[in-house]
């Protein structure tokens, strides 16, 4: 698994938990 894919999974996980403090830079 590539790092970028892993980062995307983490971001999606955080967004689902309401922690959408990360911008859509990716």
PDB file of N, CA and C in Angstrom:
ATOM      1  N   UNK A   1       0.844  -1.205   0.000  1.00  0.00           N
ATOM      2  CA  UNK A   1       0.000   0.000   0.000  1.00  0.00           C
ATOM      3  C   UNK A   1       0.871   1.244   0.000  1.00  0.00           C
ATOM      4  N   UNK A   2       0.521   2.188  -0.859  1.00  0.00           N
ATOM      5  CA  UNK A   2       1.312   3.416  -0.919  1.00  0.00           C
ATOM      6  C   UNK A   2       0.966   4.340   0.251  1.00  0.00           C
ATOM      7  N   UNK A   3       1.913   5.194   0.583  1.00  0.00           N
ATOM      8  CA  UNK A   3       1.710   6.110   1.711  1.00  0.00           C
ATOM      9  C   UNK A   3       0.546   7.056   1.438  1.00  0.00           C
ATOM     10  N   UNK A   4       0.449   7.534   0.198  1.00  0.00           N
ATOM     11  CA  UNK A   4      -0.640   8.462  -0.134  1.00  0.00           C
ATOM     12  C   UNK A   4      -1.991   7.806   0.085  1.00  0.00           C
ATOM     13  N   UNK A   5      -2.100   6.530  -0.290  1.00  0.00           N
ATOM     14  CA  UNK A   5      -3.360   5.815  -0.093  1.00  0.00           C
ATOM     15  C   UNK A   5      -3.660   5.675   1.400  1.00  0.00           C
ATOM     16  N   UNK A   6      -2.622   5.415   2.178  1.00  0.00           N
ATOM     17  CA  UNK A   6      -2.803   5.273   3.617  1.00  0.00           C
ATOM     18  C   UNK A   6      -3.267   6.588   4.229  1.00  0.00           C
ATOM     19  N   UNK A   7      -2.658   7.684   3.774  1.00  0.00           N
ATOM     20  CA  UNK A   7      -3.038   9.008   4.275  1.00  0.00           C
ATOM     21  C   UNK A   7      -4.496   9.297   3.948  1.00  0.00           C
ATOM     22  N   UNK A   8      -4.904   8.931   2.744  1.00  0.00           N
ATOM     23  CA  UNK A   8      -6.305   9.160   2.356  1.00  0.00           C
ATOM     24  C   UNK A   8      -7.240   8.385   3.261  1.00  0.00           C
ATOM     25  N   UNK A   9      -6.883   7.146   3.575  1.00  0.00           N
ATOM     26  CA  UNK A   9      -7.725   6.330   4.454  1.00  0.00           C
ATOM     27  C   UNK A   9      -7.846   6.977   5.829  1.00  0.00           C
ATOM     28  N   UNK A  10      -6.733   7.501   6.325  1.00  0.00           N
ATOM     29  CA  UNK A  10      -6.739   8.150   7.639  1.00  0.00           C
ATOM     30  C   UNK A  10      -7.615   9.396   7.611  1.00  0.00           C
ATOM     31  N   UNK A  11      -7.492  10.181   6.548  1.00  0.00           N
ATOM     32  CA  UNK A  11      -8.290  11.404   6.419  1.00  0.00           C
ATOM     33  C   UNK A  11      -9.774  11.063   6.374  1.00  0.00           C
ATOM     34  N   UNK A  12     -10.127  10.051   5.604  1.00  0.00           N
ATOM     35  CA  UNK A  12     -11.535   9.647   5.520  1.00  0.00           C
ATOM     36  C   UNK A  12     -12.025   9.194   6.897  1.00  0.00           C
ATOM     37  N   UNK A  13     -11.178   8.488   7.623  1.00  0.00           N
ATOM     38  CA  UNK A  13     -11.548   8.012   8.952  1.00  0.00           C
ATOM     39  C   UNK A  13     -11.799   9.190   9.890  1.00  0.00           C
ATOM     40  N   UNK A  14     -10.920  10.182   9.828  1.00  0.00           N
ATOM     41  CA  UNK A  14     -11.079  11.354  10.690  1.00  0.00           C
ATOM     42  C   UNK A  14     -12.337  12.127  10.324  1.00  0.00           C
ATOM     43  N   UNK A  15     -12.598  12.256   9.022  1.00  0.00           N
ATOM     44  CA  UNK A  15     -13.780  12.991   8.581  1.00  0.00           C
ATOM     45  C   UNK A  15     -15.049  12.290   9.057  1.00  0.00           C
ATOM     46  N   UNK A  16     -15.043  10.970   9.043  1.00  0.00           N
ATOM     47  CA  UNK A  16     -16.223  10.219   9.485  1.00  0.00           C
ATOM     48  C   UNK A  16     -16.452  10.417  10.971  1.00  0.00           C
ATOM     49  N   UNK A  17     -15.383  10.713  11.704  1.00  0.00           N
ATOM     50  CA  UNK A  17     -15.517  10.919  13.143  1.00  0.00           C
ATOM     51  C   UNK A  17     -15.741  12.388  13.488  1.00  0.00           C
ATOM     52  N   UNK A  18     -15.960  13.211  12.454  1.00  0.00           N
ATOM     53  CA  UNK A  18     -16.268  14.615  12.696  1.00  0.00           C
ATOM     54  C   UNK A  18     -15.033  15.469  12.903  1.00  0.00           C
ATOM     55  N   UNK A  19     -13.864  14.903  12.665  1.00  0.00           N
ATOM     56  CA  UNK A  19     -12.640  15.687  12.837  1.00  0.00           C
ATOM     57  C   UNK A  19     -12.178  16.208  11.485  1.00  0.00           C
ATOM     58  N   UNK A  20     -13.042  17.004  10.860  1.00  0.00           N
ATOM     59  CA  UNK A  20     -12.737  17.510   9.522  1.00  0.00           C
ATOM     60  C   UNK A  20     -11.910  18.786   9.604  1.00  0.00           C
ATOM     61  N   UNK A  21     -10.877  18.776  10.440  1.00  0.00           N
ATOM     62  CA  UNK A  21     -10.019  19.946  10.560  1.00  0.00           C
ATOM     63  C   UNK A  21      -8.951  19.926   9.484  1.00  0.00           C
ATOM     64  N   UNK A  22      -8.926  18.817   8.723  1.00  0.00           N
ATOM     65  CA  UNK A  22      -7.939  18.692   7.653  1.00  0.00           C
ATOM     66  C   UNK A  22      -8.546  19.175   6.341  1.00  0.00           C
ATOM     67  N   UNK A  23      -7.815  20.024   5.635  1.00  0.00           N
ATOM     68  CA  UNK A  23      -8.329  20.556   4.378  1.00  0.00           C
ATOM     69  C   UNK A  23      -8.136  19.555   3.257  1.00  0.00           C
ATOM     70  N   UNK A  24      -8.874  19.757   2.163  1.00  0.00           N
ATOM     71  CA  UNK A  24      -8.795  18.834   1.029  1.00  0.00           C
ATOM     72  C   UNK A  24      -7.608  19.198   0.148  1.00  0.00           C
ATOM     73  N   UNK A  25      -6.416  19.092   0.687  1.00  0.00           N
ATOM     74  CA  UNK A  25      -5.222  19.441  -0.081  1.00  0.00           C
ATOM     75  C   UNK A  25      -4.799  18.294  -0.982  1.00  0.00           C
ATOM     76  N   UNK A  26      -5.138  17.092  -0.576  1.00  0.00           N
ATOM     77  CA  UNK A  26      -4.720  15.918  -1.344  1.00  0.00           C
ATOM     78  C   UNK A  26      -5.569  15.783  -2.596  1.00  0.00           C
TER      79      UNK A  26
END
